[in-house]
PDB file of N, CA and C in Angstrom:
ATOM      1  N   MET A   1       0.626  -1.002   0.048  1.00  0.00           N
ATOM      2  CA  MET A   1       0.283   0.474  -0.031  1.00  0.00           C
ATOM      3  C   MET A   1       0.997   0.909  -0.067  1.00  0.00           C
ATOM      4  N   ASP A   2       0.513   2.060  -1.108  1.00  0.00           N
ATOM      5  CA  ASP A   2       1.197   3.543  -0.981  1.00  0.00           C
ATOM      6  C   ASP A   2       1.391   4.542   0.167  1.00  0.00           C
ATOM      7  N   LYS A   3       2.496   4.816   0.700  1.00  0.00           N
ATOM      8  CA  LYS A   3       2.019   5.618   1.602  1.00  0.00           C
ATOM      9  C   LYS A   3       1.351   7.667   1.777  1.00  0.00           C
ATOM     10  N   PRO A   4       0.488   7.910   2.180  1.00  0.00           N
ATOM     11  CA  PRO A   4      -0.598   8.974   2.145  1.00  0.00           C
ATOM     12  C   PRO A   4       0.381   9.715   2.202  1.00  0.00           C
ATOM     13  N   ALA A   5      -0.393  10.480   1.498  1.00  0.00           N
ATOM     14  CA  ALA A   5       1.165  11.864   1.290  1.00  0.00           C
ATOM     15  C   ALA A   5       0.725  12.870   2.999  1.00  0.00           C
ATOM     16  N   GLU A   6       1.429  13.247   3.645  1.00  0.00           N
ATOM     17  CA  GLU A   6       1.114  14.209   5.268  1.00  0.00           C
ATOM     18  C   GLU A   6      -0.038  15.242   4.833  1.00  0.00           C
ATOM     19  N   ASN A   7       0.331  15.645   4.084  1.00  0.00           N
ATOM     20  CA  ASN A   7      -0.924  17.239   3.438  1.00  0.00           C
ATOM     21  C   ASN A   7      -0.549  17.631   2.365  1.00  0.00           C
ATOM     22  N   ALA A   8      -1.983  17.522   1.463  1.00  0.00           N
ATOM     23  CA  ALA A   8      -1.925  18.241   0.973  1.00  0.00           C
ATOM     24  C   ALA A   8      -1.282  19.015  -0.001  1.00  0.00           C
ATOM     25  N   THR A   9      -0.389  19.906   1.302  1.00  0.00           N
ATOM     26  CA  THR A   9       0.766  20.918   0.066  1.00  0.00           C
ATOM     27  C   THR A   9       1.802  20.389   0.225  1.00  0.00           C
ATOM     28  N   ASP A  10       1.977  19.106   0.503  1.00  0.00           N
ATOM     29  CA  ASP A  10       3.632  18.453  -0.171  1.00  0.00           C
ATOM     30  C   ASP A  10       3.385  17.531  -1.584  1.00  0.00           C
ATOM     31  N   GLU A  11       1.627  17.834  -1.514  1.00  0.00           N
ATOM     32  CA  GLU A  11       2.069  16.767  -2.575  1.00  0.00           C
ATOM     33  C   GLU A  11       1.860  17.774  -4.115  1.00  0.00           C
ATOM     34  N   VAL A  12       1.125  19.317  -3.710  1.00  0.00           N
ATOM     35  CA  VAL A  12       1.314  20.325  -4.675  1.00  0.00           C
ATOM     36  C   VAL A  12       2.644  20.561  -4.679  1.00  0.00           C
ATOM     37  N   ARG A  13       3.645  20.461  -3.953  1.00  0.00           N
ATOM     38  CA  ARG A  13       5.132  20.650  -4.079  1.00  0.00           C
ATOM     39  C   ARG A  13       6.071  20.601  -4.526  1.00  0.00           C
ATOM     40  N   GLU A  14       5.439  19.079  -4.776  1.00  0.00           N
ATOM     41  CA  GLU A  14       6.122  17.816  -5.397  1.00  0.00           C
ATOM     42  C   GLU A  14       5.536  17.764  -6.935  1.00  0.00           C
ATOM     43  N   GLU A  15       4.626  18.204  -7.152  1.00  0.00           N
ATOM     44  CA  GLU A  15       4.172  18.720  -8.824  1.00  0.00           C
ATOM     45  C   GLU A  15       5.119  19.929  -8.754  1.00  0.00           C
ATOM     46  N   GLU A  16       4.791  20.929  -8.081  1.00  0.00           N
ATOM     47  CA  GLU A  16       5.673  21.973  -8.991  1.00  0.00           C
ATOM     48  C   GLU A  16       7.151  21.641  -9.053  1.00  0.00           C
ATOM     49  N   ILE A  17       7.715  21.001  -8.362  1.00  0.00           N
ATOM     50  CA  ILE A  17       9.440  20.861  -8.170  1.00  0.00           C
ATOM     51  C   ILE A  17       9.210  19.663  -9.818  1.00  0.00           C
ATOM     52  N   ALA A  18       8.343  18.431 -10.192  1.00  0.00           N
ATOM     53  CA  ALA A  18       8.164  17.763 -10.927  1.00  0.00           C
ATOM     54  C   ALA A  18       8.250  18.420 -12.715  1.00  0.00           C
ATOM     55  N   GLY A  19       7.511  19.811 -12.133  1.00  0.00           N
ATOM     56  CA  GLY A  19       6.975  20.616 -13.240  1.00  0.00           C
ATOM     57  C   GLY A  19       5.401  20.457 -13.923  1.00  0.00           C
ATOM     58  N   GLY A  20       4.878  20.257 -13.214  1.00  0.00           N
ATOM     59  CA  GLY A  20       3.406  20.424 -13.122  1.00  0.00           C
ATOM     60  C   GLY A  20       2.760  21.537 -12.780  1.00  0.00           C
ATOM     61  N   VAL A  21       1.903  21.692 -11.687  1.00  0.00           N
ATOM     62  CA  VAL A  21       1.398  22.996 -11.624  1.00  0.00           C
ATOM     63  C   VAL A  21       1.746  23.961 -11.510  1.00  0.00           C
ATOM     64  N   GLY A  22       3.360  24.190 -11.121  1.00  0.00           N
ATOM     65  CA  GLY A  22       4.100  25.591 -10.983  1.00  0.00           C
ATOM     66  C   GLY A  22       4.896  26.619 -12.143  1.00  0.00           C
ATOM     67  N   ASP A  23       4.276  25.361 -12.978  1.00  0.00           N
ATOM     68  CA  ASP A  23       5.320  26.323 -14.181  1.00  0.00           C
ATOM     69  C   ASP A  23       4.256  26.453 -15.058  1.00  0.00           C
ATOM     70  N   LYS A  24       3.026  26.395 -14.674  1.00  0.00           N
ATOM     71  CA  LYS A  24       1.839  27.264 -15.498  1.00  0.00           C
ATOM     72  C   LYS A  24       2.473  29.583 -15.468  1.00  0.00           C
ATOM     73  N   LYS A  25       2.555  29.813 -16.703  1.00  0.00           N
ATOM     74  CA  LYS A  25       2.230  31.112 -16.568  1.00  0.00           C
ATOM     75  C   LYS A  25       0.747  31.846 -16.909  1.00  0.00           C
ATOM     76  N   LYS A  26       1.024  33.690 -16.073  1.00  0.00           N
ATOM     77  CA  LYS A  26       0.193  34.105 -16.771  1.00  0.00           C
ATOM     78  C   LYS A  26       0.215  34.130 -18.282  1.00  0.00           C
ATOM     79  N   ASN A  27      -1.084  34.324 -18.706  1.00  0.00           N
ATOM     80  CA  ASN A  27      -1.508  34.863 -19.731  1.00  0.00           C
ATOM     81  C   ASN A  27      -1.510  36.426 -20.098  1.00  0.00           C
ATOM     82  N   ALA A  28      -0.943  36.349 -21.488  1.00  0.00           N
ATOM     83  CA  ALA A  28      -0.862  38.344 -21.394  1.00  0.00           C
ATOM     84  C   ALA A  28      -1.920  38.488 -22.328  1.00  0.00           C
ATOM     85  N   ALA A  29      -2.460  39.873 -21.063  1.00  0.00           N
ATOM     86  CA  ALA A  29      -3.635  40.857 -21.284  1.00  0.00           C
ATOM     87  C   ALA A  29      -3.330  41.009 -22.664  1.00  0.00           C
ATOM     88  N   ARG A  30      -4.116  41.014 -23.715  1.00  0.00           N
ATOM     89  CA  ARG A  30      -4.327  42.167 -24.464  1.00  0.00           C
ATOM     90  C   ARG A  30      -5.323  43.453 -24.342  1.00  0.00           C
ATOM     91  N   PHE A  31      -4.978  44.306 -24.792  1.00  0.00           N
ATOM     92  CA  PHE A  31      -5.499  45.629 -24.536  1.00  0.00           C
ATOM     93  C   PHE A  31      -6.390  46.402 -26.209  1.00  0.00           C
ATOM     94  N   SER A  32      -7.768  45.983 -25.938  1.00  0.00           N
ATOM     95  CA  SER A  32      -8.646  46.808 -26.533  1.00  0.00           C
ATOM     96  C   SER A  32      -8.085  48.075 -26.869  1.00  0.00           C
ATOM     97  N   ALA A  33      -8.833  48.665 -28.269  1.00  0.00           N
ATOM     98  CA  ALA A  33      -9.296  50.393 -27.511  1.00  0.00           C
ATOM     99  C   ALA A  33     -10.146  50.492 -26.784  1.00  0.00           C
ATOM    100  N   GLY A  34     -11.032  49.374 -25.999  1.00  0.00           N
ATOM    101  CA  GLY A  34     -11.985  49.744 -24.998  1.00  0.00           C
ATOM    102  C   GLY A  34     -11.266  50.064 -23.923  1.00  0.00           C
ATOM    103  N   HIS A  35     -10.958  48.470 -23.587  1.00  0.00           N
ATOM    104  CA  HIS A  35      -9.826  48.461 -22.147  1.00  0.00           C
ATOM    105  C   HIS A  35      -9.133  49.721 -22.303  1.00  0.00           C
ATOM    106  N   ASP A  36      -8.226  50.330 -23.331  1.00  0.00           N
ATOM    107  CA  ASP A  36      -7.937  51.597 -23.326  1.00  0.00           C
ATOM    108  C   ASP A  36      -8.568  52.488 -22.702  1.00  0.00           C
ATOM    109  N   VAL A  37      -9.924  52.275 -23.125  1.00  0.00           N
ATOM    110  CA  VAL A  37     -11.074  53.603 -22.530  1.00  0.00           C
ATOM    111  C   VAL A  37     -11.169  53.527 -21.381  1.00  0.00           C
ATOM    112  N   LEU A  38     -10.985  52.371 -20.706  1.00  0.00           N
ATOM    113  CA  LEU A  38     -11.514  51.902 -19.162  1.00  0.00           C
ATOM    114  C   LEU A  38     -10.279  52.396 -18.475  1.00  0.00           C
ATOM    115  N   LEU A  39      -8.992  52.069 -19.132  1.00  0.00           N
ATOM    116  CA  LEU A  39      -8.043  51.822 -18.478  1.00  0.00           C
ATOM    117  C   LEU A  39      -8.546  53.359 -18.227  1.00  0.00           C
ATOM    118  N   LEU A  40      -7.975  54.106 -19.460  1.00  0.00           N
ATOM    119  CA  LEU A  40      -7.785  56.041 -18.686  1.00  0.00           C
ATOM    120  C   LEU A  40      -8.785  56.789 -17.820  1.00  0.00           C
ATOM    121  N   ARG A  41      -9.830  56.359 -18.483  1.00  0.00           N
ATOM    122  CA  ARG A  41     -10.569  56.655 -17.386  1.00  0.00           C
ATOM    123  C   ARG A  41     -10.350  56.549 -15.811  1.00  0.00           C
ATOM    124  N   GLU A  42     -10.424  55.155 -15.792  1.00  0.00           N
ATOM    125  CA  GLU A  42      -9.696  54.584 -14.257  1.00  0.00           C
ATOM    126  C   GLU A  42      -8.896  55.702 -13.362  1.00  0.00           C
ATOM    127  N   VAL A  43      -7.589  55.541 -14.167  1.00  0.00           N
ATOM    128  CA  VAL A  43      -6.391  56.659 -14.295  1.00  0.00           C
ATOM    129  C   VAL A  43      -7.135  58.548 -13.710  1.00  0.00           C
ATOM    130  N   VAL A  44      -7.700  58.774 -14.960  1.00  0.00           N
ATOM    131  CA  VAL A  44      -8.273  60.049 -14.406  1.00  0.00           C
ATOM    132  C   VAL A  44      -9.132  60.157 -12.569  1.00  0.00           C
ATOM    133  N   THR A  45      -9.914  59.006 -13.589  1.00  0.00           N
ATOM    134  CA  THR A  45     -10.544  59.209 -11.545  1.00  0.00           C
ATOM    135  C   THR A  45      -9.595  59.167 -10.187  1.00  0.00           C
ATOM    136  N   GLN A  46      -9.007  57.951 -10.414  1.00  0.00           N
ATOM    137  CA  GLN A  46      -7.908  57.846  -9.154  1.00  0.00           C
ATOM    138  C   GLN A  46      -6.428  58.364  -9.426  1.00  0.00           C
ATOM    139  N   ASN A  47      -6.077  59.086 -10.178  1.00  0.00           N
ATOM    140  CA  ASN A  47      -4.899  59.983 -10.894  1.00  0.00           C
ATOM    141  C   ASN A  47      -3.865  59.476 -10.220  1.00  0.00           C
ATOM    142  N   PRO A  48      -3.144  57.798 -10.449  1.00  0.00           N
ATOM    143  CA  PRO A  48      -1.958  57.546  -9.250  1.00  0.00           C
ATOM    144  C   PRO A  48      -0.622  58.200  -9.562  1.00  0.00           C
ATOM    145  N   TYR A  49      -1.119  59.539 -10.336  1.00  0.00           N
ATOM    146  CA  TYR A  49       0.100  60.323 -10.236  1.00  0.00           C
ATOM    147  C   TYR A  49       0.488  61.817  -9.713  1.00  0.00           C
ATOM    148  N   ALA A  50      -0.858  61.481  -8.670  1.00  0.00           N
ATOM    149  CA  ALA A  50      -0.629  62.687  -7.738  1.00  0.00           C
ATOM    150  C   ALA A  50      -0.967  61.985  -6.488  1.00  0.00           C
ATOM    151  N   ALA A  51      -0.658  60.661  -6.204  1.00  0.00           N
ATOM    152  CA  ALA A  51      -0.871  59.459  -4.944  1.00  0.00           C
ATOM    153  C   ALA A  51       0.725  59.777  -4.064  1.00  0.00           C
ATOM    154  N   ALA A  52       0.835  59.844  -2.529  1.00  0.00           N
ATOM    155  CA  ALA A  52       2.172  60.230  -1.584  1.00  0.00           C
ATOM    156  C   ALA A  52       2.580  59.461  -1.723  1.00  0.00           C
ATOM    157  N   ALA A  53       3.649  59.436  -1.934  1.00  0.00           N
ATOM    158  CA  ALA A  53       4.533  58.395  -1.764  1.00  0.00           C
ATOM    159  C   ALA A  53       3.948  57.022  -1.192  1.00  0.00           C
ATOM    160  N   GLY A  54       4.126  56.441  -1.482  1.00  0.00           N
ATOM    161  CA  GLY A  54       4.094  55.040  -0.565  1.00  0.00           C
ATOM    162  C   GLY A  54       2.280  54.296  -0.783  1.00  0.00           C
ATOM    163  N   GLU A  55       1.455  54.823  -1.563  1.00  0.00           N
ATOM    164  CA  GLU A  55       0.307  54.953  -2.210  1.00  0.00           C
ATOM    165  C   GLU A  55       0.409  54.702  -3.767  1.00  0.00           C
ATOM    166  N   VAL A  56       1.124  54.759  -3.964  1.00  0.00           N
ATOM    167  CA  VAL A  56       1.851  55.247  -5.548  1.00  0.00           C
ATOM    168  C   VAL A  56       0.707  53.324  -6.176  1.00  0.00           C
ATOM    169  N   THR A  57       1.565  52.497  -5.781  1.00  0.00           N
ATOM    170  CA  THR A  57       1.293  51.572  -6.341  1.00  0.00           C
ATOM    171  C   THR A  57       0.371  50.670  -5.487  1.00  0.00           C
ATOM    172  N   ARG A  58      -0.447  51.517  -4.637  1.00  0.00           N
ATOM    173  CA  ARG A  58      -1.308  50.723  -4.181  1.00  0.00           C
ATOM    174  C   ARG A  58      -2.887  51.182  -4.556  1.00  0.00           C
ATOM    175  N   THR A  59      -2.242  52.538  -5.736  1.00  0.00           N
ATOM    176  CA  THR A  59      -3.566  53.156  -6.505  1.00  0.00           C
ATOM    177  C   THR A  59      -3.705  52.630  -7.539  1.00  0.00           C
ATOM    178  N   TRP A  60      -2.479  52.333  -8.536  1.00  0.00           N
ATOM    179  CA  TRP A  60      -2.375  51.302  -9.835  1.00  0.00           C
ATOM    180  C   TRP A  60      -2.954  50.100  -9.450  1.00  0.00           C
ATOM    181  N   ALA A  61      -3.015  49.257  -8.039  1.00  0.00           N
ATOM    182  CA  ALA A  61      -3.678  47.767  -7.716  1.00  0.00           C
ATOM    183  C   ALA A  61      -5.601  47.961  -7.459  1.00  0.00           C
ATOM    184  N   ALA A  62      -5.437  49.576  -7.218  1.00  0.00           N
ATOM    185  CA  ALA A  62      -6.619  49.892  -6.843  1.00  0.00           C
ATOM    186  C   ALA A  62      -7.266  50.176  -8.321  1.00  0.00           C
ATOM    187  N   ILE A  63      -6.759  50.584  -9.148  1.00  0.00           N
ATOM    188  CA  ILE A  63      -7.121  50.342 -10.629  1.00  0.00           C
ATOM    189  C   ILE A  63      -7.137  49.115 -11.315  1.00  0.00           C
ATOM    190  N   ALA A  64      -6.196  48.693 -11.299  1.00  0.00           N
ATOM    191  CA  ALA A  64      -6.434  47.353 -12.068  1.00  0.00           C
ATOM    192  C   ALA A  64      -7.839  46.108 -10.671  1.00  0.00           C
ATOM    193  N   VAL A  65      -7.876  46.517 -10.107  1.00  0.00           N
ATOM    194  CA  VAL A  65      -9.748  45.944  -9.046  1.00  0.00           C
ATOM    195  C   VAL A  65     -10.718  46.825 -10.186  1.00  0.00           C
ATOM    196  N   ALA A  66     -10.428  48.074 -10.152  1.00  0.00           N
ATOM    197  CA  ALA A  66     -11.524  48.519 -11.372  1.00  0.00           C
ATOM    198  C   ALA A  66     -11.862  48.108 -12.543  1.00  0.00           C
ATOM    199  N   LEU A  67     -11.298  47.487 -13.025  1.00  0.00           N
ATOM    200  CA  LEU A  67     -10.571  47.041 -14.449  1.00  0.00           C
ATOM    201  C   LEU A  67     -11.454  45.742 -14.959  1.00  0.00           C
ATOM    202  N   ASN A  68     -11.049  45.241 -13.714  1.00  0.00           N
ATOM    203  CA  ASN A  68     -10.903  43.483 -13.429  1.00  0.00           C
ATOM    204  C   ASN A  68     -12.451  42.757 -13.521  1.00  0.00           C
ATOM    205  N   ALA A  69     -13.004  44.512 -12.506  1.00  0.00           N
ATOM    206  CA  ALA A  69     -14.460  43.802 -11.882  1.00  0.00           C
ATOM    207  C   ALA A  69     -15.299  44.913 -13.366  1.00  0.00           C
ATOM    208  N   ALA A  70     -14.962  45.558 -14.231  1.00  0.00           N
ATOM    209  CA  ALA A  70     -15.653  45.546 -15.131  1.00  0.00           C
ATOM    210  C   ALA A  70     -15.586  44.869 -16.349  1.00  0.00           C
ATOM    211  N   GLN A  71     -14.206  43.920 -16.192  1.00  0.00           N
ATOM    212  CA  GLN A  71     -14.406  43.480 -17.774  1.00  0.00           C
ATOM    213  C   GLN A  71     -14.062  41.398 -17.028  1.00  0.00           C
ATOM    214  N   ALA A  72     -15.142  40.993 -17.379  1.00  0.00           N
ATOM    215  CA  ALA A  72     -15.228  39.268 -16.487  1.00  0.00           C
ATOM    216  C   ALA A  72     -14.086  38.523 -17.421  1.00  0.00           C
ATOM    217  N   ASP A  73     -13.173  38.793 -18.318  1.00  0.00           N
ATOM    218  CA  ASP A  73     -12.370  37.959 -19.205  1.00  0.00           C
ATOM    219  C   ASP A  73     -10.731  39.448 -18.566  1.00  0.00           C
ATOM    220  N   PHE A  74     -11.117  39.754 -18.278  1.00  0.00           N
ATOM    221  CA  PHE A  74     -10.085  40.622 -18.378  1.00  0.00           C
ATOM    222  C   PHE A  74      -8.780  40.371 -16.493  1.00  0.00           C
ATOM    223  N   ASN A  75      -7.759  39.786 -16.764  1.00  0.00           N
ATOM    224  CA  ASN A  75      -7.514  39.830 -15.771  1.00  0.00           C
ATOM    225  C   ASN A  75      -6.027  40.492 -15.604  1.00  0.00           C
ATOM    226  N   ILE A  76      -5.608  41.148 -14.498  1.00  0.00           N
ATOM    227  CA  ILE A  76      -4.301  42.132 -14.835  1.00  0.00           C
ATOM    228  C   ILE A  76      -4.091  42.913 -13.372  1.00  0.00           C
ATOM    229  N   ASP A  77      -2.646  43.628 -13.798  1.00  0.00           N
ATOM    230  CA  ASP A  77      -2.700  43.686 -12.081  1.00  0.00           C
ATOM    231  C   ASP A  77      -2.523  44.757 -11.998  1.00  0.00           C
ATOM    232  N   GLY A  78      -1.541  45.539 -11.392  1.00  0.00           N
ATOM    233  CA  GLY A  78      -1.595  47.238 -11.084  1.00  0.00           C
ATOM    234  C   GLY A  78       0.096  47.653 -11.991  1.00  0.00           C
ATOM    235  N   ARG A  79       0.876  46.548 -11.610  1.00  0.00           N
ATOM    236  CA  ARG A  79       2.080  47.037 -12.617  1.00  0.00           C
ATOM    237  C   ARG A  79       1.553  47.128 -14.307  1.00  0.00           C
ATOM    238  N   ARG A  80       0.689  45.771 -14.422  1.00  0.00           N
ATOM    239  CA  ARG A  80       0.364  45.962 -15.954  1.00  0.00           C
ATOM    240  C   ARG A  80      -0.382  47.620 -16.097  1.00  0.00           C
ATOM    241  N   CYS A  81      -1.403  48.088 -15.869  1.00  0.00           N
ATOM    242  CA  CYS A  81      -2.373  49.182 -16.193  1.00  0.00           C
ATOM    243  C   CYS A  81      -0.804  49.980 -16.114  1.00  0.00           C
ATOM    244  N   ARG A  82      -0.564  50.349 -15.312  1.00  0.00           N
ATOM    245  CA  ARG A  82       1.222  51.086 -14.898  1.00  0.00           C
ATOM    246  C   ARG A  82       1.846  51.652 -16.321  1.00  0.00           C
ATOM    247  N   ASP A  83       2.026  50.511 -16.567  1.00  0.00           N
ATOM    248  CA  ASP A  83       2.861  50.341 -18.271  1.00  0.00           C
ATOM    249  C   ASP A  83       2.298  50.423 -19.464  1.00  0.00           C
ATOM    250  N   ARG A  84       0.938  49.908 -19.102  1.00  0.00           N
ATOM    251  CA  ARG A  84       0.152  50.412 -20.456  1.00  0.00           C
ATOM    252  C   ARG A  84      -0.457  51.946 -20.455  1.00  0.00           C
ATOM    253  N   THR A  85      -0.239  52.405 -19.491  1.00  0.00           N
ATOM    254  CA  THR A  85      -0.663  53.593 -19.516  1.00  0.00           C
ATOM    255  C   THR A  85       0.321  55.174 -19.937  1.00  0.00           C
ATOM    256  N   ASN A  86       1.722  54.326 -19.104  1.00  0.00           N
ATOM    257  CA  ASN A  86       2.910  54.794 -19.429  1.00  0.00           C
ATOM    258  C   ASN A  86       3.123  54.720 -21.125  1.00  0.00           C
ATOM    259  N   LEU A  87       2.789  54.279 -22.059  1.00  0.00           N
ATOM    260  CA  LEU A  87       3.271  53.658 -23.271  1.00  0.00           C
ATOM    261  C   LEU A  87       2.018  54.139 -23.549  1.00  0.00           C
ATOM    262  N   LEU A  88       0.098  54.340 -23.958  1.00  0.00           N
ATOM    263  CA  LEU A  88      -0.462  55.594 -24.046  1.00  0.00           C
ATOM    264  C   LEU A  88       0.060  57.152 -24.255  1.00  0.00           C
ATOM    265  N   LEU A  89       0.550  57.417 -22.953  1.00  0.00           N
ATOM    266  CA  LEU A  89       0.997  58.574 -22.981  1.00  0.00           C
ATOM    267  C   LEU A  89       2.458  59.106 -23.547  1.00  0.00           C
ATOM    268  N   ASP A  90       3.199  58.195 -24.209  1.00  0.00           N
ATOM    269  CA  ASP A  90       4.088  58.059 -24.930  1.00  0.00           C
ATOM    270  C   ASP A  90       3.589  57.951 -26.453  1.00  0.00           C
ATOM    271  N   TYR A  91       3.023  57.591 -26.817  1.00  0.00           N
ATOM    272  CA  TYR A  91       2.254  57.493 -28.152  1.00  0.00           C
ATOM    273  C   TYR A  91       1.375  58.804 -28.340  1.00  0.00           C
ATOM    274  N   PHE A  92       1.334  59.769 -27.562  1.00  0.00           N
ATOM    275  CA  PHE A  92       0.203  60.305 -27.392  1.00  0.00           C
ATOM    276  C   PHE A  92       1.405  61.830 -27.737  1.00  0.00           C
ATOM    277  N   ARG A  93       2.485  61.987 -26.917  1.00  0.00           N
ATOM    278  CA  ARG A  93       3.479  62.620 -26.952  1.00  0.00           C
ATOM    279  C   ARG A  93       4.368  62.804 -28.182  1.00  0.00           C
ATOM    280  N   LYS A  94       4.047  61.309 -29.116  1.00  0.00           N
ATOM    281  CA  LYS A  94       5.027  61.367 -29.646  1.00  0.00           C
ATOM    282  C   LYS A  94       4.023  61.529 -31.091  1.00  0.00           C
ATOM    283  N   GLU A  95       2.804  61.933 -30.880  1.00  0.00           N
ATOM    284  CA  GLU A  95       1.521  62.471 -31.551  1.00  0.00           C
ATOM    285  C   GLU A  95       0.972  60.934 -32.323  1.00  0.00           C
ATOM    286  N   GLU A  96       1.479  59.882 -32.294  1.00  0.00           N
ATOM    287  CA  GLU A  96       1.265  58.748 -33.256  1.00  0.00           C
ATOM    288  C   GLU A  96       0.014  58.294 -33.228  1.00  0.00           C
ATOM    289  N   LEU A  97      -0.809  59.243 -33.557  1.00  0.00           N
ATOM    290  CA  LEU A  97      -2.344  58.857 -33.862  1.00  0.00           C
ATOM    291  C   LEU A  97      -3.018  57.462 -34.250  1.00  0.00           C
ATOM    292  N   ALA A  98      -2.335  56.920 -35.202  1.00  0.00           N
ATOM    293  CA  ALA A  98      -2.574  55.662 -35.081  1.00  0.00           C
ATOM    294  C   ALA A  98      -2.591  54.845 -34.737  1.00  0.00           C
ATOM    295  N   SER A  99      -1.187  54.771 -33.517  1.00  0.00           N
ATOM    296  CA  SER A  99      -1.014  53.551 -33.168  1.00  0.00           C
ATOM    297  C   SER A  99      -1.988  53.653 -31.643  1.00  0.00           C
ATOM    298  N   LEU A 100      -2.426  55.220 -31.494  1.00  0.00           N
ATOM    299  CA  LEU A 100      -3.153  55.082 -30.269  1.00  0.00           C
ATOM    300  C   LEU A 100      -4.943  54.500 -30.606  1.00  0.00           C
ATOM    301  N   ARG A 101      -5.440  54.836 -32.561  1.00  0.00           N
ATOM    302  CA  ARG A 101      -6.155  54.399 -32.897  1.00  0.00           C
ATOM    303  C   ARG A 101      -6.459  52.729 -33.364  1.00  0.00           C
ATOM    304  N   ARG A 102      -5.501  51.790 -33.117  1.00  0.00           N
ATOM    305  CA  ARG A 102      -5.836  50.935 -34.150  1.00  0.00           C
ATOM    306  C   ARG A 102      -7.067  50.043 -34.255  1.00  0.00           C
TER     307      ARG A 102
END
């Protein structure tokens, strides 16, 4: 008879080490024009650029939570929101309107 695992976490750890559960990567979130609009509206509403030091990361996380709640099929984090916002601002500064409209 096989020896039972002491607890469920031992089994999970063994699978992770063997290349099972722990090897999954996050799916890349693809922003559509609609997602960009929702993101920018939320950025204007919460304004992470005016947040106090130490609150900036929390503000980006709150933006991500709001976007994830608004779109059921969309799952992003605060860092991805920040990076996408900065990319859109760079496009705007360079007046690459075609890139903004995609």
